[in-house]
Amino acid sequence: MKYYIIAGEASGDLHGSNLIKEIYKFDPNAIIRAWGGDKMKSEGAIIIKHFKELSFMGFYEVLINLKTILRNISFCKNDILKFNPDKIIFIDYPGFNLRIAKWAKKNNFNTNYYIAPQIWAWDEKRIKNIKANIDQLYVILPFEKDYFENKHNYKVKFLGHPLLDSIKSFKKPKKADFFNKHKLDIKKEIICILPGSRKQEIKKILNIMLKVTGVFSNYEFIIAGAPNIDLEFYNTIISNRNVKVIKDETYSLLSNSKAALVTSGTATLETAIFKIPQVVCYKTSAISYFLAKIFIKIKFISLVNLIMNEEIIKELIQDNCSKKNIVKELKKVLDLKNRNKLLDKYEKLISLLGTSGSSNRLAKDIVLKNKF
């Protein structure tokens, strides 16, 4: 069969690559055309648009890039018509994907949505679009099944969280090998900085995160470089600080870290699964933050706290995201007593995410349409 997959972000590229690998197990002759990145390409997909051309974050940022987004929508529709896939798979990226899904359903394409739009956070009326235009919705957060089925009477499938697959397949390098490879001081423990995968969010948050490095001189601060961001971009922000960037080795870096400073998003959950204490640091443009305060109706911004329904990791947002507060909270998570309490919470969190093998179960369901 022919599959058309649309992923617009780095996390979608990761989950899409795992899905593609499993699709070929059930459909060896599959032809897969996709919007994604290098990971999806390495698993055999023909990449039409790279996600680095698509990532616009925040209300204001989307507004000023509206012409580009509209051109991409038009291009996508024409490309789907030419390819004529048997199944379309949307991965996250709801602002774009829900528009394409509405059009695709009108044109009688089979529509599957993986990683549900977070309508529980804002714009709940999108449920009408989902019900009308998505043949099957796959959720990855445990509370979402109850939300969609009991609140909106819409049947969904929760097959586990895909990060469990990605992290289970990761082979941790020996500490000495990792430190030698990157010429790190093995006597110093690492504090990992994960400032996001989009230039606009990195510009906002990285400089603030780096202000605390001088306070923790006994630690080595290392930035997890996003695959789509050049080293030169990071270097312009780092300036003369003694901080290194390691690209494309986030899991190796996390697995060798003592603690982490993380922006919101998938990275908070990855950090938790690796059982690394973290502080969430988030800052966006004043306009985007103002609009978010009006429209977004959730208690927390990190997936970790949302799933646990309590603040088990500290979230420093906008004005609270300051050098003083980051130093204070980082000292807390480095303290052994606080660290052990947090790790106990992480264990409960991981148990809620299901079991590994979700990508295989998802591929089987999409290819063969089995019921779970």
Protein backbone atom coordinates (compact mmCIF):
# COMPACT_ATOMS: atom_id res chain seq x y z
CA MET A 1 0.00 0.00 0.00
CA LYS A 2 0.92 3.66 -0.28
CA TYR A 3 1.18 5.80 2.85
CA TYR A 4 1.41 9.58 3.12
CA ILE A 5 2.76 10.77 6.49
CA ILE A 6 2.86 14.37 7.73
CA ALA A 7 5.11 15.26 10.68
CA GLY A 8 6.07 18.90 11.21
CA GLU A 9 8.48 18.77 14.15
CA ALA A 10 11.56 16.96 15.45
CA SER A 11 9.53 14.82 17.85
CA GLY A 12 7.20 13.84 15.01
CA ASP A 13 10.22 12.85 12.93
CA LEU A 14 11.38 10.57 15.77
CA HIS A 15 8.01 8.90 16.31
CA GLY A 16 7.39 8.75 12.56
CA SER A 17 10.68 6.94 11.98
CA ASN A 18 9.79 4.27 14.55
CA LEU A 19 6.36 3.87 12.96
CA ILE A 20 7.80 3.55 9.45
CA LYS A 21 10.22 0.85 10.61
CA GLU A 22 7.27 -1.16 11.94
CA ILE A 23 5.03 -0.53 8.90
CA TYR A 24 7.57 -2.28 6.69
CA LYS A 25 7.33 -5.37 8.92
CA PHE A 26 3.62 -5.73 8.15
CA ASP A 27 3.77 -4.31 4.62
CA PRO A 28 7.23 -4.99 3.09
CA ASN A 29 6.20 -3.44 -0.23
CA ALA A 30 4.95 -0.22 1.34
CA ILE A 31 5.64 3.05 -0.48
CA ILE A 32 5.91 5.92 2.00
CA ARG A 33 5.95 9.58 1.04
CA ALA A 34 6.28 12.04 3.90
CA TRP A 35 6.81 15.42 5.46
CA GLY A 36 9.39 14.86 8.17
CA GLY A 37 13.13 14.74 8.72
CA ASP A 38 16.33 12.76 8.56
CA LYS A 39 15.15 10.02 10.91
CA MET A 40 12.11 9.23 8.77
CA LYS A 41 14.25 9.36 5.66
CA SER A 42 16.73 6.88 7.16
CA GLU A 43 13.88 4.39 7.65
CA GLY A 44 12.87 4.52 3.98
CA ALA A 45 10.42 7.39 3.58
CA ILE A 46 10.63 9.76 0.62
CA ILE A 47 10.81 13.17 2.31
CA ILE A 48 8.98 15.92 0.42
CA LYS A 49 9.28 18.70 3.00
CA HIS A 50 11.74 18.81 5.89
CA PHE A 51 10.28 19.81 9.25
CA LYS A 52 12.87 22.56 9.66
CA GLU A 53 10.96 24.48 6.96
CA LEU A 54 7.69 24.13 8.88
CA SER A 55 8.29 24.91 12.57
CA PHE A 56 6.53 28.08 13.68
CA MET A 57 5.84 28.32 17.40
CA GLY A 58 3.44 30.71 19.13
CA PHE A 59 0.38 32.70 18.04
CA TYR A 60 2.31 35.74 16.84
CA GLU A 61 4.93 33.68 15.02
CA VAL A 62 2.25 31.74 13.13
CA LEU A 63 0.54 35.01 12.15
CA ILE A 64 3.64 36.58 10.60
CA ASN A 65 4.41 33.37 8.68
CA LEU A 66 0.83 32.84 7.49
CA LYS A 67 1.64 33.19 3.77
CA THR A 68 4.26 30.47 3.96
CA ILE A 69 1.88 28.18 5.86
CA LEU A 70 -0.89 28.71 3.29
CA ARG A 71 1.52 27.91 0.45
CA ASN A 72 2.53 24.72 2.25
CA ILE A 73 -1.12 23.70 2.66
CA SER A 74 -1.78 24.18 -1.04
CA PHE A 75 1.36 22.27 -1.99
CA CYS A 76 0.43 19.41 0.37
CA LYS A 77 -3.04 18.98 -1.09
CA ASN A 78 -1.69 18.82 -4.64
CA ASP A 79 1.04 16.40 -3.62
CA ILE A 80 -1.46 14.05 -1.96
CA LEU A 81 -3.68 14.07 -5.04
CA LYS A 82 -0.73 13.15 -7.27
CA PHE A 83 0.48 10.39 -4.94
CA ASN A 84 -3.04 9.07 -4.22
CA PRO A 85 -2.19 7.19 -0.98
CA ASP A 86 -4.21 4.34 0.50
CA LYS A 87 -3.77 5.81 3.96
CA ILE A 88 -2.79 9.22 5.30
CA ILE A 89 -1.11 9.36 8.72
CA PHE A 90 -1.01 12.70 10.53
CA ILE A 91 1.55 12.98 13.36
CA ASP A 92 0.87 15.76 15.86
CA TYR A 93 1.33 19.23 14.22
CA PRO A 94 -2.43 20.01 14.57
CA GLY A 95 -2.63 23.54 13.18
CA PHE A 96 -1.55 22.22 9.80
CA ASN A 97 -2.71 18.61 9.95
CA LEU A 98 -6.32 19.25 10.92
CA ARG A 99 -6.71 21.52 7.90
CA ILE A 100 -5.34 18.85 5.59
CA ALA A 101 -7.47 16.18 7.29
CA LYS A 102 -10.67 18.12 6.60
CA TRP A 103 -9.77 18.40 2.93
CA ALA A 104 -8.57 14.77 2.74
CA LYS A 105 -11.81 13.39 4.16
CA LYS A 106 -13.84 15.35 1.61
CA ASN A 107 -11.69 13.71 -1.06
CA ASN A 108 -12.37 10.22 0.38
CA PHE A 109 -8.89 9.49 1.73
CA ASN A 110 -8.45 7.22 4.76
CA THR A 111 -7.32 9.44 7.65
CA ASN A 112 -5.37 8.31 10.72
CA TYR A 113 -4.18 10.75 13.38
CA TYR A 114 -1.26 9.76 15.61
CA ILE A 115 -0.54 11.88 18.71
CA ALA A 116 -3.85 13.59 19.27
CA PRO A 117 -4.31 17.36 19.03
CA GLN A 118 -4.27 18.73 22.57
CA ILE A 119 -7.81 20.03 22.53
CA TRP A 120 -7.98 19.44 26.29
CA ALA A 121 -5.56 22.38 26.57
CA TRP A 122 -7.25 24.86 24.27
CA ASP A 123 -9.84 25.25 21.49
CA GLU A 124 -11.96 22.29 22.55
CA LYS A 125 -14.38 22.91 19.70
CA ARG A 126 -11.85 21.22 17.39
CA ILE A 127 -13.46 17.96 18.49
CA LYS A 128 -16.07 18.56 15.76
CA ASN A 129 -13.33 18.61 13.14
CA ILE A 130 -11.75 15.47 14.58
CA LYS A 131 -15.02 13.54 14.74
CA ALA A 132 -15.96 14.51 11.21
CA ASN A 133 -12.62 14.03 9.50
CA ILE A 134 -10.47 11.48 11.35
CA ASP A 135 -11.18 7.79 10.77
CA GLN A 136 -8.98 6.71 13.69
CA LEU A 137 -7.35 8.76 16.43
CA TYR A 138 -4.39 7.34 18.37
CA VAL A 139 -3.59 9.01 21.70
CA ILE A 140 -0.28 8.71 23.55
CA LEU A 141 -1.10 10.25 26.93
CA PRO A 142 -2.95 8.00 29.38
CA PHE A 143 -5.54 10.57 30.44
CA GLU A 144 -6.54 11.31 26.83
CA LYS A 145 -8.49 8.08 26.33
CA ASP A 146 -10.82 8.94 29.17
CA TYR A 147 -11.05 12.54 27.97
CA PHE A 148 -12.09 11.73 24.39
CA GLU A 149 -14.31 8.76 25.13
CA ASN A 150 -16.11 9.91 28.27
CA LYS A 151 -16.30 13.64 27.67
CA HIS A 152 -16.76 13.67 23.89
CA ASN A 153 -18.13 10.20 23.17
CA TYR A 154 -15.40 9.61 20.58
CA LYS A 155 -13.60 6.27 20.56
CA VAL A 156 -9.81 6.44 20.44
CA LYS A 157 -6.93 4.00 20.90
CA PHE A 158 -4.18 4.24 23.51
CA LEU A 159 -1.43 1.78 22.58
CA GLY A 160 1.28 3.14 24.88
CA HIS A 161 3.71 6.04 24.58
CA PRO A 162 6.22 5.84 21.69
CA LEU A 163 9.07 7.31 23.74
CA LEU A 164 9.26 4.01 25.61
CA ASP A 165 10.27 2.35 22.32
CA SER A 166 12.83 4.99 21.43
CA ILE A 167 14.50 4.93 24.83
CA LYS A 168 14.37 1.13 25.17
CA SER A 169 16.22 0.72 21.86
CA PHE A 170 18.88 3.26 22.90
CA LYS A 171 22.25 1.78 23.84
CA LYS A 172 23.91 3.86 26.53
CA PRO A 173 27.61 4.51 25.83
CA LYS A 174 30.16 3.84 28.52
CA LYS A 175 30.77 6.97 30.56
CA ALA A 176 34.52 7.00 29.86
CA ASP A 177 33.92 6.59 26.12
CA PHE A 178 31.39 9.42 26.02
CA PHE A 179 33.59 11.78 28.03
CA ASN A 180 36.68 10.95 25.96
CA LYS A 181 34.84 11.36 22.67
CA HIS A 182 33.76 14.90 23.56
CA LYS A 183 36.87 15.83 25.57
CA LEU A 184 34.94 16.33 28.79
CA ASP A 185 36.33 16.48 32.32
CA ILE A 186 35.34 13.13 33.81
CA LYS A 187 35.72 14.60 37.31
CA LYS A 188 32.79 16.95 36.68
CA GLU A 189 29.16 15.81 36.50
CA ILE A 190 27.03 17.09 33.65
CA ILE A 191 24.04 19.41 33.76
CA CYS A 192 22.27 19.04 30.44
CA ILE A 193 20.53 21.99 28.76
CA LEU A 194 17.66 21.21 26.39
CA PRO A 195 16.53 24.57 24.98
CA GLY A 196 14.19 23.23 22.29
CA SER A 197 14.39 22.56 18.56
CA ARG A 198 13.19 25.88 17.10
CA LYS A 199 15.43 28.90 16.68
CA GLN A 200 12.85 31.33 18.01
CA GLU A 201 12.40 29.44 21.30
CA ILE A 202 16.16 28.86 21.67
CA LYS A 203 16.79 32.60 21.29
CA LYS A 204 14.29 33.31 24.06
CA ILE A 205 15.41 30.78 26.63
CA LEU A 206 19.04 29.71 26.15
CA ASN A 207 20.63 32.98 27.22
CA ILE A 208 18.69 32.89 30.49
CA MET A 209 19.66 29.26 31.14
CA LEU A 210 23.33 30.03 30.54
CA LYS A 211 23.38 32.79 33.15
CA VAL A 212 23.45 30.19 35.92
CA THR A 213 26.56 28.32 34.74
CA GLY A 214 28.95 30.42 36.82
CA VAL A 215 27.08 29.52 40.02
CA PHE A 216 27.65 25.79 39.43
CA SER A 217 31.33 25.82 38.51
CA ASN A 218 31.79 22.25 39.77
CA TYR A 219 29.51 20.99 36.99
CA GLU A 220 29.90 20.81 33.22
CA PHE A 221 27.01 22.45 31.36
CA ILE A 222 26.35 20.95 27.93
CA ILE A 223 23.70 21.95 25.41
CA ALA A 224 21.85 19.19 23.57
CA GLY A 225 21.99 20.55 20.04
CA ALA A 226 18.92 19.97 17.88
CA PRO A 227 19.63 18.16 14.59
CA ASN A 228 18.13 20.96 12.51
CA ILE A 229 20.11 23.80 14.16
CA ASP A 230 23.66 24.70 13.07
CA LEU A 231 26.42 24.96 15.65
CA GLU A 232 27.06 28.54 14.56
CA PHE A 233 23.61 29.52 15.79
CA TYR A 234 24.34 28.21 19.29
CA ASN A 235 27.80 29.80 19.31
CA THR A 236 26.36 33.27 18.73
CA ILE A 237 24.35 32.86 21.96
CA ILE A 238 27.01 31.07 24.01
CA SER A 239 29.56 33.85 23.33
CA ASN A 240 32.57 33.46 25.65
CA ARG A 241 30.97 31.06 28.13
CA ASN A 242 32.71 27.75 28.71
CA VAL A 243 29.77 25.67 27.50
CA LYS A 244 29.81 22.94 24.87
CA VAL A 245 27.19 21.88 22.35
CA ILE A 246 26.76 18.21 21.49
CA LYS A 247 24.53 17.61 18.48
CA ASP A 248 22.43 14.54 17.66
CA GLU A 249 23.31 12.73 20.90
CA THR A 250 20.57 13.86 23.26
CA TYR A 251 19.98 10.42 24.75
CA SER A 252 23.68 9.80 25.29
CA LEU A 253 23.95 13.19 26.94
CA LEU A 254 20.88 12.72 29.14
CA SER A 255 21.97 9.26 30.25
CA ASN A 256 25.26 10.75 31.46
CA SER A 257 23.74 13.79 33.20
CA LYS A 258 23.15 14.59 36.85
CA ALA A 259 20.36 17.11 36.19
CA ALA A 260 18.79 19.07 33.34
CA LEU A 261 17.31 22.44 32.41
CA VAL A 262 14.53 21.77 29.92
CA THR A 263 12.00 23.72 27.90
CA SER A 264 8.45 22.38 27.88
CA GLY A 265 7.42 19.66 25.45
CA THR A 266 8.52 16.12 24.67
CA ALA A 267 11.96 16.75 26.19
CA THR A 268 10.47 16.94 29.70
CA LEU A 269 9.07 13.44 29.32
CA GLU A 270 12.28 12.07 27.80
CA THR A 271 14.25 13.50 30.70
CA ALA A 272 11.86 11.90 33.19
CA ILE A 273 12.05 8.48 31.53
CA PHE A 274 15.84 8.68 31.80
CA LYS A 275 15.21 9.48 35.50
CA ILE A 276 17.13 12.76 35.39
CA PRO A 277 15.99 15.51 37.82
CA GLN A 278 14.97 18.60 35.87
CA VAL A 279 13.79 22.18 36.03
CA VAL A 280 11.44 23.40 33.30
CA CYS A 281 12.32 26.84 31.90
CA TYR A 282 10.00 28.49 29.43
CA LYS A 283 9.81 31.95 27.89
CA THR A 284 8.09 33.15 24.74
CA SER A 285 7.27 36.49 23.13
CA ALA A 286 5.09 38.85 25.17
CA ILE A 287 2.32 38.70 22.57
CA SER A 288 2.29 34.89 22.40
CA TYR A 289 2.31 34.62 26.18
CA PHE A 290 -0.55 37.11 26.52
CA LEU A 291 -2.65 35.17 24.00
CA ALA A 292 -1.75 31.84 25.58
CA LYS A 293 -2.94 33.07 28.98
CA ILE A 294 -6.31 33.85 27.41
CA PHE A 295 -6.83 30.69 25.38
CA ILE A 296 -4.87 27.87 27.02
CA LYS A 297 -6.68 26.27 29.94
CA ILE A 298 -4.26 23.86 31.63
CA LYS A 299 -2.61 23.84 35.05
CA PHE A 300 0.85 22.87 33.79
CA ILE A 301 2.96 23.22 30.65
CA SER A 302 5.16 20.13 31.01
CA LEU A 303 3.94 16.69 29.97
CA VAL A 304 5.37 15.24 33.17
CA ASN A 305 3.15 17.35 35.41
CA LEU A 306 0.13 17.02 33.12
CA ILE A 307 0.25 13.23 33.21
CA MET A 308 0.81 13.13 36.96
CA ASN A 309 -1.76 15.90 37.53
CA GLU A 310 0.57 17.55 40.04
CA GLU A 311 3.71 19.67 39.92
CA ILE A 312 6.41 17.08 40.51
CA ILE A 313 8.93 19.15 38.53
CA LYS A 314 9.23 22.91 38.90
CA GLU A 315 7.98 25.05 36.04
CA LEU A 316 9.54 28.49 35.69
CA ILE A 317 7.44 30.38 33.16
CA GLN A 318 7.92 33.82 31.57
CA ASP A 319 8.82 36.37 34.31
CA ASN A 320 9.47 33.58 36.83
CA CYS A 321 12.10 32.21 34.50
CA SER A 322 15.01 34.20 35.94
CA LYS A 323 18.60 33.46 36.91
CA LYS A 324 17.72 33.67 40.60
CA ASN A 325 14.85 31.19 40.35
CA ILE A 326 16.71 28.75 38.09
CA VAL A 327 19.64 28.69 40.54
CA LYS A 328 17.28 28.09 43.45
CA GLU A 329 15.41 25.22 41.78
CA LEU A 330 18.50 23.61 40.28
CA LYS A 331 20.09 23.48 43.73
CA LYS A 332 16.96 21.71 44.98
CA VAL A 333 17.02 18.93 42.39
CA LEU A 334 20.74 18.39 42.93
CA ASP A 335 20.09 17.76 46.63
CA LEU A 336 20.06 13.99 47.28
CA LYS A 337 16.91 13.97 49.41
CA ASN A 338 14.84 15.93 46.90
CA ARG A 339 16.34 13.91 44.06
CA ASN A 340 15.21 10.59 45.55
CA LYS A 341 11.67 11.86 46.09
CA LEU A 342 11.50 12.97 42.46
CA LEU A 343 12.82 9.65 41.17
CA ASP A 344 10.04 7.85 43.05
CA LYS A 345 7.51 10.07 41.26
CA TYR A 346 9.19 9.31 37.94
CA GLU A 347 8.66 5.57 38.52
CA LYS A 348 4.92 6.13 38.87
CA LEU A 349 4.90 8.33 35.77
CA ILE A 350 6.64 5.69 33.66
CA SER A 351 4.16 3.03 34.78
CA LEU A 352 1.30 5.19 33.46
CA LEU A 353 2.80 5.35 29.96
CA GLY A 354 2.01 1.71 29.15
CA THR A 355 4.50 -0.81 27.83
CA SER A 356 7.08 -0.68 25.06
CA GLY A 357 6.07 -1.88 21.60
CA SER A 358 3.55 0.87 20.90
CA SER A 359 5.02 1.63 17.46
CA ASN A 360 4.60 -2.00 16.46
CA ARG A 361 1.02 -2.10 17.74
CA LEU A 362 0.24 1.15 15.93
CA ALA A 363 1.69 -0.04 12.62
CA LYS A 364 -0.22 -3.31 12.87
CA ASP A 365 -3.45 -1.46 13.53
CA ILE A 366 -2.97 0.99 10.67
CA VAL A 367 -1.85 -1.63 8.13
CA LEU A 368 -4.19 -4.44 9.09
CA LYS A 369 -6.86 -2.51 11.01
CA ASN A 370 -6.92 -5.01 13.87
CA LYS A 371 -8.82 -4.08 17.01
CA PHE A 372 -7.08 -3.68 20.35
